[in-house]
C-alpha atoms as a PDB file:
ATOM      1  CA  MET A   1     172.205  -2.390 364.378  1.00  0.00           C
ATOM      2  CA  ASN A   2     168.839  -4.178 363.914  1.00  0.00           C
ATOM      3  CA  GLU A   3     170.339  -7.442 365.198  1.00  0.00           C
ATOM      4  CA  LEU A   4     171.570  -5.654 368.301  1.00  0.00           C
ATOM      5  CA  VAL A   5     168.173  -4.096 368.935  1.00  0.00           C
ATOM      6  CA  ALA A   6     166.449  -7.454 368.484  1.00  0.00           C
ATOM      7  CA  SER A   7     168.704  -8.982 371.118  1.00  0.00           C
ATOM      8  CA  LEU A   8     167.690  -6.484 373.798  1.00  0.00           C
ATOM      9  CA  ASP A   9     165.067  -7.348 376.412  1.00  0.00           C
ATOM     10  CA  PRO A  10     161.736  -5.434 376.320  1.00  0.00           C
ATOM     11  CA  LEU A  11     163.065  -2.676 378.579  1.00  0.00           C
ATOM     12  CA  GLY A  12     166.166  -2.345 376.443  1.00  0.00           C
ATOM     13  CA  ARG A  13     164.114  -2.106 373.253  1.00  0.00           C
ATOM     14  CA  ASP A  14     161.826   0.496 374.853  1.00  0.00           C
ATOM     15  CA  LEU A  15     164.810   2.571 375.953  1.00  0.00           C
ATOM     16  CA  HIS A  16     166.486   2.217 372.564  1.00  0.00           C
ATOM     17  CA  ARG A  17     163.328   3.400 370.801  1.00  0.00           C
ATOM     18  CA  ALA A  18     162.893   6.342 373.154  1.00  0.00           C
ATOM     19  CA  LEU A  19     166.516   7.402 373.022  1.00  0.00           C
ATOM     20  CA  SER A  20     166.538   7.044 369.239  1.00  0.00           C
ATOM     21  CA  ARG A  21     163.889   9.750 369.215  1.00  0.00           C
ATOM     22  CA  VAL A  22     165.812  11.800 371.723  1.00  0.00           C
ATOM     23  CA  ALA A  23     169.029  11.501 369.745  1.00  0.00           C
ATOM     24  CA  THR A  24     167.360  13.137 366.782  1.00  0.00           C
ATOM     25  CA  ARG A  25     165.378  15.852 368.485  1.00  0.00           C
ATOM     26  CA  ARG A  26     167.224  16.715 371.688  1.00  0.00           C
ATOM     27  CA  ALA A  27     170.966  16.028 371.246  1.00  0.00           C
ATOM     28  CA  ARG A  28     172.733  18.694 373.272  1.00  0.00           C
ATOM     29  CA  ARG A  29     176.490  18.354 372.838  1.00  0.00           C
ATOM     30  CA  ARG A  30     176.118  21.498 370.730  1.00  0.00           C
ATOM     31  CA  ARG A  31     173.237  22.772 368.658  1.00  0.00           C
ATOM     32  CA  THR A  32     175.073  21.687 365.475  1.00  0.00           C
ATOM     33  CA  LEU A  33     174.910  18.039 366.585  1.00  0.00           C
ATOM     34  CA  ARG A  34     171.115  18.025 366.686  1.00  0.00           C
ATOM     35  CA  VAL A  35     170.909  15.421 363.896  1.00  0.00           C
ATOM     36  CA  THR A  36     174.418  14.218 363.222  1.00  0.00           C
ATOM     37  CA  ALA A  37     174.923  13.207 366.862  1.00  0.00           C
ATOM     38  CA  ALA A  38     172.344  10.439 366.541  1.00  0.00           C
ATOM     39  CA  THR A  39     174.896   7.658 366.180  1.00  0.00           C
ATOM     40  CA  ALA A  40     177.082   8.962 368.994  1.00  0.00           C
ATOM     41  CA  ILE A  41     174.121   9.357 371.325  1.00  0.00           C
ATOM     42  CA  LEU A  42     172.917   5.844 370.522  1.00  0.00           C
ATOM     43  CA  VAL A  43     176.260   4.462 371.621  1.00  0.00           C
ATOM     44  CA  GLY A  44     175.479   6.082 374.955  1.00  0.00           C
ATOM     45  CA  ALA A  45     171.994   4.615 374.779  1.00  0.00           C
ATOM     46  CA  PHE A  46     173.305   1.059 374.486  1.00  0.00           C
ATOM     47  CA  ALA A  47     175.706   1.690 377.357  1.00  0.00           C
ATOM     48  CA  ALA A  48     172.710   3.007 379.273  1.00  0.00           C
ATOM     49  CA  VAL A  49     170.915  -0.304 378.830  1.00  0.00           C
ATOM     50  CA  ALA A  50     173.875  -2.277 380.096  1.00  0.00           C
ATOM     51  CA  VAL A  51     175.470  -0.268 382.914  1.00  0.00           C
ATOM     52  CA  ALA A  52     173.808   0.907 386.110  1.00  0.00           C
ATOM     53  CA  SER A  53     174.304   4.494 387.260  1.00  0.00           C
ATOM     54  CA  GLY A  54     171.891   4.782 390.148  1.00  0.00           C
ATOM     55  CA  ILE A  55     169.517   7.116 388.318  1.00  0.00           C
ATOM     56  CA  GLY A  56     166.816   4.520 387.721  1.00  0.00           C
ATOM     57  CA  PRO A  57     166.093   1.469 385.582  1.00  0.00           C
ATOM     58  CA  ASP A  58     165.150   3.463 382.479  1.00  0.00           C
ATOM     59  CA  LEU A  59     167.999   5.977 382.384  1.00  0.00           C
ATOM     60  CA  GLN A  60     171.211   4.248 383.351  1.00  0.00           C
ATOM     61  CA  LEU A  61     174.473   5.760 382.130  1.00  0.00           C
ATOM     62  CA  ASP A  62     177.990   4.373 382.292  1.00  0.00           C
ATOM     63  CA  PRO A  63     179.574   6.151 385.293  1.00  0.00           C
ATOM     64  CA  MET A  64     183.002   5.700 383.693  1.00  0.00           C
ATOM     65  CA  LYS A  65     181.884   7.828 380.739  1.00  0.00           C
ATOM     66  CA  TRP A  66     179.282  10.200 382.148  1.00  0.00           C
ATOM     67  CA  ALA A  67     179.141  12.579 385.118  1.00  0.00           C
ATOM     68  CA  ILE A  68     175.500  12.975 386.156  1.00  0.00           C
ATOM     69  CA  LEU A  69     174.566  16.641 386.543  1.00  0.00           C
ATOM     70  CA  GLY A  70     170.903  16.280 387.408  1.00  0.00           C
ATOM     71  CA  SER A  71     167.697  14.428 386.698  1.00  0.00           C
ATOM     72  CA  GLY A  72     163.967  14.769 386.995  1.00  0.00           C
ATOM     73  CA  SER A  73     160.589  13.525 385.876  1.00  0.00           C
ATOM     74  CA  VAL A  74     157.093  14.637 384.937  1.00  0.00           C
ATOM     75  CA  ASP A  75     153.650  13.072 385.201  1.00  0.00           C
ATOM     76  CA  ASN A  76     154.569  10.749 388.060  1.00  0.00           C
ATOM     77  CA  GLY A  77     157.477   9.250 386.167  1.00  0.00           C
ATOM     78  CA  ARG A  78     155.864   8.845 382.743  1.00  0.00           C
ATOM     79  CA  GLY A  79     158.594  11.131 381.447  1.00  0.00           C
ATOM     80  CA  GLN A  80     162.114  11.061 382.874  1.00  0.00           C
ATOM     81  CA  TYR A  81     165.326  12.869 381.994  1.00  0.00           C
ATOM     82  CA  VAL A  82     168.981  12.996 382.983  1.00  0.00           C
ATOM     83  CA  HIS A  83     171.542  15.729 382.305  1.00  0.00           C
ATOM     84  CA  ALA A  84     175.079  14.416 381.971  1.00  0.00           C
ATOM     85  CA  GLN A  85     178.559  15.541 381.011  1.00  0.00           C
ATOM     86  CA  ASP A  86     180.925  13.462 378.911  1.00  0.00           C
ATOM     87  CA  LYS A  87     184.033  12.985 381.059  1.00  0.00           C
ATOM     88  CA  ALA A  88     186.276  12.707 378.011  1.00  0.00           C
ATOM     89  CA  THR A  89     185.103  15.755 376.062  1.00  0.00           C
ATOM     90  CA  GLY A  90     183.273  17.893 378.595  1.00  0.00           C
ATOM     91  CA  GLY A  91     180.249  17.961 376.285  1.00  0.00           C
ATOM     92  CA  HIS A  92     176.754  18.110 377.753  1.00  0.00           C
ATOM     93  CA  SER A  93     173.937  15.755 376.799  1.00  0.00           C
ATOM     94  CA  SER A  94     170.404  15.170 378.009  1.00  0.00           C
ATOM     95  CA  PHE A  95     168.806  11.726 377.858  1.00  0.00           C
ATOM     96  CA  SER A  96     165.111  11.145 378.348  1.00  0.00           C
ATOM     97  CA  VAL A  97     162.465   8.460 378.052  1.00  0.00           C
ATOM     98  CA  GLU A  98     158.717   8.802 377.564  1.00  0.00           C
ATOM     99  CA  HIS A  99     156.460   5.982 378.749  1.00  0.00           C
ATOM    100  CA  ASP A 100     153.687   6.740 376.271  1.00  0.00           C
ATOM    101  CA  ALA A 101     152.628   3.236 375.269  1.00  0.00           C
ATOM    102  CA  GLY A 102     148.863   3.005 375.229  1.00  0.00           C
ATOM    103  CA  MET A 103     148.343   6.753 375.534  1.00  0.00           C
ATOM    104  CA  PRO A 104     146.199   8.635 373.023  1.00  0.00           C
ATOM    105  CA  ARG A 105     148.645  10.091 370.522  1.00  0.00           C
ATOM    106  CA  TYR A 106     147.902  13.731 371.256  1.00  0.00           C
ATOM    107  CA  ASP A 107     148.334  13.062 374.971  1.00  0.00           C
ATOM    108  CA  ALA A 108     151.699  11.483 374.134  1.00  0.00           C
ATOM    109  CA  PHE A 109     152.657  14.702 372.336  1.00  0.00           C
ATOM    110  CA  LEU A 110     151.660  16.763 375.373  1.00  0.00           C
ATOM    111  CA  LEU A 111     153.789  14.478 377.557  1.00  0.00           C
ATOM    112  CA  TYR A 112     156.734  15.148 375.245  1.00  0.00           C
ATOM    113  CA  VAL A 113     156.159  18.905 375.540  1.00  0.00           C
ATOM    114  CA  ARG A 114     155.987  18.821 379.333  1.00  0.00           C
ATOM    115  CA  LEU A 115     159.130  16.701 379.471  1.00  0.00           C
ATOM    116  CA  GLN A 116     161.000  19.038 377.119  1.00  0.00           C
ATOM    117  CA  ASP A 117     159.972  22.060 379.198  1.00  0.00           C
ATOM    118  CA  ALA A 118     161.079  20.377 382.419  1.00  0.00           C
ATOM    119  CA  GLU A 119     164.428  19.416 380.869  1.00  0.00           C
ATOM    120  CA  ASN A 120     165.047  22.924 379.603  1.00  0.00           C
ATOM    121  CA  LYS A 121     164.551  24.466 383.031  1.00  0.00           C
ATOM    122  CA  THR A 122     167.653  22.731 384.361  1.00  0.00           C
ATOM    123  CA  ALA A 123     169.663  21.788 381.238  1.00  0.00           C
ATOM    124  CA  PRO A 124     173.191  23.239 380.957  1.00  0.00           C
ATOM    125  CA  GLU A 125     172.391  23.833 377.273  1.00  0.00           C
ATOM    126  CA  PRO A 126     168.600  24.189 376.843  1.00  0.00           C
ATOM    127  CA  ALA A 127     167.163  23.030 373.553  1.00  0.00           C
ATOM    128  CA  ALA A 128     165.625  25.551 371.188  1.00  0.00           C
ATOM    129  CA  VAL A 129     161.828  25.662 371.300  1.00  0.00           C
ATOM    130  CA  GLU A 130     159.787  26.036 368.124  1.00  0.00           C
ATOM    131  CA  PRO A 131     157.927  29.332 367.679  1.00  0.00           C
ATOM    132  CA  GLY A 132     154.186  29.632 367.972  1.00  0.00           C
ATOM    133  CA  PRO A 133     151.517  28.096 370.183  1.00  0.00           C
ATOM    134  CA  LEU A 134     151.233  24.363 370.715  1.00  0.00           C
ATOM    135  CA  CYS A 135     149.929  22.526 367.677  1.00  0.00           C
ATOM    136  CA  THR A 136     146.364  21.388 368.055  1.00  0.00           C
ATOM    137  CA  ALA A 137     145.485  17.754 367.419  1.00  0.00           C
ATOM    138  CA  ASP A 138     144.284  18.701 363.935  1.00  0.00           C
ATOM    139  CA  GLN A 139     147.478  20.603 363.154  1.00  0.00           C
ATOM    140  CA  LEU A 140     149.641  17.745 364.410  1.00  0.00           C
ATOM    141  CA  THR A 141     147.703  15.326 362.216  1.00  0.00           C
ATOM    142  CA  ARG A 142     148.044  17.555 359.147  1.00  0.00           C
ATOM    143  CA  ALA A 143     151.770  17.921 359.760  1.00  0.00           C
ATOM    144  CA  GLU A 144     152.189  14.136 359.905  1.00  0.00           C
ATOM    145  CA  VAL A 145     150.139  13.725 356.727  1.00  0.00           C
ATOM    146  CA  VAL A 146     152.341  16.277 354.927  1.00  0.00           C
ATOM    147  CA  ALA A 147     155.495  14.597 356.219  1.00  0.00           C
ATOM    148  CA  LEU A 148     154.374  11.133 355.121  1.00  0.00           C
ATOM    149  CA  ALA A 149     153.343  12.379 351.683  1.00  0.00           C
ATOM    150  CA  THR A 150     156.781  13.941 351.260  1.00  0.00           C
ATOM    151  CA  LEU A 151     158.506  10.751 352.342  1.00  0.00           C
ATOM    152  CA  ARG A 152     156.479   8.543 350.005  1.00  0.00           C
ATOM    153  CA  ALA A 153     157.044  10.861 347.065  1.00  0.00           C
ATOM    154  CA  SER A 154     160.777  11.325 347.543  1.00  0.00           C
ATOM    155  CA  PHE A 155     162.251   8.287 349.318  1.00  0.00           C
ATOM    156  CA  SER A 156     162.174   4.519 349.394  1.00  0.00           C
ATOM    157  CA  PRO A 157     160.512   2.903 352.431  1.00  0.00           C
ATOM    158  CA  GLY A 158     163.065   2.184 355.110  1.00  0.00           C
ATOM    159  CA  THR A 159     165.245   5.205 354.362  1.00  0.00           C
ATOM    160  CA  GLY A 160     166.908   6.334 357.583  1.00  0.00           C
ATOM    161  CA  PRO A 161     165.392   9.271 359.479  1.00  0.00           C
ATOM    162  CA  ASP A 162     168.519  11.408 359.264  1.00  0.00           C
ATOM    163  CA  ALA A 163     168.502  11.252 355.459  1.00  0.00           C
ATOM    164  CA  THR A 164     164.888  12.431 355.237  1.00  0.00           C
ATOM    165  CA  LYS A 165     164.882  15.160 357.883  1.00  0.00           C
ATOM    166  CA  SER A 166     165.688  18.148 355.664  1.00  0.00           C
ATOM    167  CA  ALA A 167     163.008  17.321 353.118  1.00  0.00           C
ATOM    168  CA  VAL A 168     160.356  16.702 355.765  1.00  0.00           C
ATOM    169  CA  ASP A 169     161.215  19.843 357.727  1.00  0.00           C
ATOM    170  CA  ALA A 170     161.057  21.916 354.547  1.00  0.00           C
ATOM    171  CA  ALA A 171     157.654  20.471 353.602  1.00  0.00           C
ATOM    172  CA  THR A 172     156.036  20.948 357.002  1.00  0.00           C
ATOM    173  CA  GLY A 173     157.595  24.384 357.360  1.00  0.00           C
ATOM    174  CA  ALA A 174     156.186  25.459 353.998  1.00  0.00           C
ATOM    175  CA  LYS A 175     152.734  24.070 354.811  1.00  0.00           C
ATOM    176  CA  PHE A 176     152.562  26.002 358.066  1.00  0.00           C
ATOM    177  CA  ALA A 177     154.512  29.077 356.937  1.00  0.00           C
ATOM    178  CA  GLY A 178     151.675  31.428 357.804  1.00  0.00           C
ATOM    179  CA  SER A 179     150.758  29.815 361.111  1.00  0.00           C
ATOM    180  CA  PRO A 180     153.695  27.940 362.680  1.00  0.00           C
ATOM    181  CA  CYS A 181     153.009  25.925 365.799  1.00  0.00           C
ATOM    182  CA  ARG A 182     155.127  24.068 368.302  1.00  0.00           C
ATOM    183  CA  GLY A 183     155.042  20.408 367.373  1.00  0.00           C
ATOM    184  CA  LEU A 184     155.943  20.402 363.684  1.00  0.00           C
ATOM    185  CA  GLU A 185     159.346  18.861 364.437  1.00  0.00           C
ATOM    186  CA  TYR A 186     157.681  16.230 366.597  1.00  0.00           C
ATOM    187  CA  ALA A 187     155.192  15.386 363.836  1.00  0.00           C
ATOM    188  CA  GLY A 188     157.913  15.190 361.211  1.00  0.00           C
ATOM    189  CA  GLU A 189     160.016  13.007 363.453  1.00  0.00           C
ATOM    190  CA  ARG A 190     157.160  10.597 364.106  1.00  0.00           C
ATOM    191  CA  ALA A 191     156.592  10.252 360.367  1.00  0.00           C
ATOM    192  CA  ARG A 192     160.299   9.784 359.607  1.00  0.00           C
ATOM    193  CA  PHE A 193     160.764   7.066 362.220  1.00  0.00           C
ATOM    194  CA  VAL A 194     157.638   5.213 361.111  1.00  0.00           C
ATOM    195  CA  PHE A 195     158.721   5.444 357.458  1.00  0.00           C
ATOM    196  CA  ALA A 196     162.157   4.108 358.405  1.00  0.00           C
ATOM    197  CA  GLY A 197     160.572   1.120 360.137  1.00  0.00           C
ATOM    198  CA  ILE A 198     161.949   2.090 363.543  1.00  0.00           C
ATOM    199  CA  GLU A 199     158.587   2.808 365.145  1.00  0.00           C
ATOM    200  CA  PRO A 200     155.115   1.338 364.492  1.00  0.00           C
ATOM    201  CA  GLN A 201     152.314   3.229 362.766  1.00  0.00           C
ATOM    202  CA  SER A 202     150.478   3.335 366.088  1.00  0.00           C
ATOM    203  CA  THR A 203     152.791   6.182 367.132  1.00  0.00           C
ATOM    204  CA  LEU A 204     151.147   8.419 364.524  1.00  0.00           C
ATOM    205  CA  MET A 205     147.957  10.394 365.027  1.00  0.00           C
ATOM    206  CA  PRO A 206     145.047   8.080 364.092  1.00  0.00           C
ATOM    207  CA  GLU A 207     143.954  10.076 361.037  1.00  0.00           C
ATOM    208  CA  ALA A 208     147.508  10.109 359.657  1.00  0.00           C
ATOM    209  CA  ARG A 209     147.989   6.317 359.597  1.00  0.00           C
END
């Protein structure tokens, strides 16, 4: 997998990184595939890099595999999404990409939230939204710190993000049990992908690095 990623051009690597995140947090074939669909969604991601669909350069899906149901964007194209249906199974998926390079990390989180909200308005199967108000920058930082501490105490560096999700979710959920906020999953995901070596530390909140 790493050799394949290394062979992609910069746009392909950016799309792979973005869709890796999406595969974990917004897989929509059914709610039960939220984590375990990561590999299947990434197959679609690599097809997306290679095959044009007319949606745009960042979200291209194989028209032989996918029927496009709709698409949209937020923040003048910084966030883009596509809703599609698998022609073989009839399952629904949503693919998205966030152009957050160079953005302050909390602003990147807000972009993710706006993109998720926009997707959900038109998605055939809207994703569940975490309870509570949006996490503040301080709460998001604390959640990432808790997630990273859990990872370092329980796993070897490089452990895949799927294998660490349950432990991280349990730790952040326990820490914020009395005051849940929307963004704990995002914070845990950032930590898991950095710990796995998939994303750089710069994707974390500055005080969590």
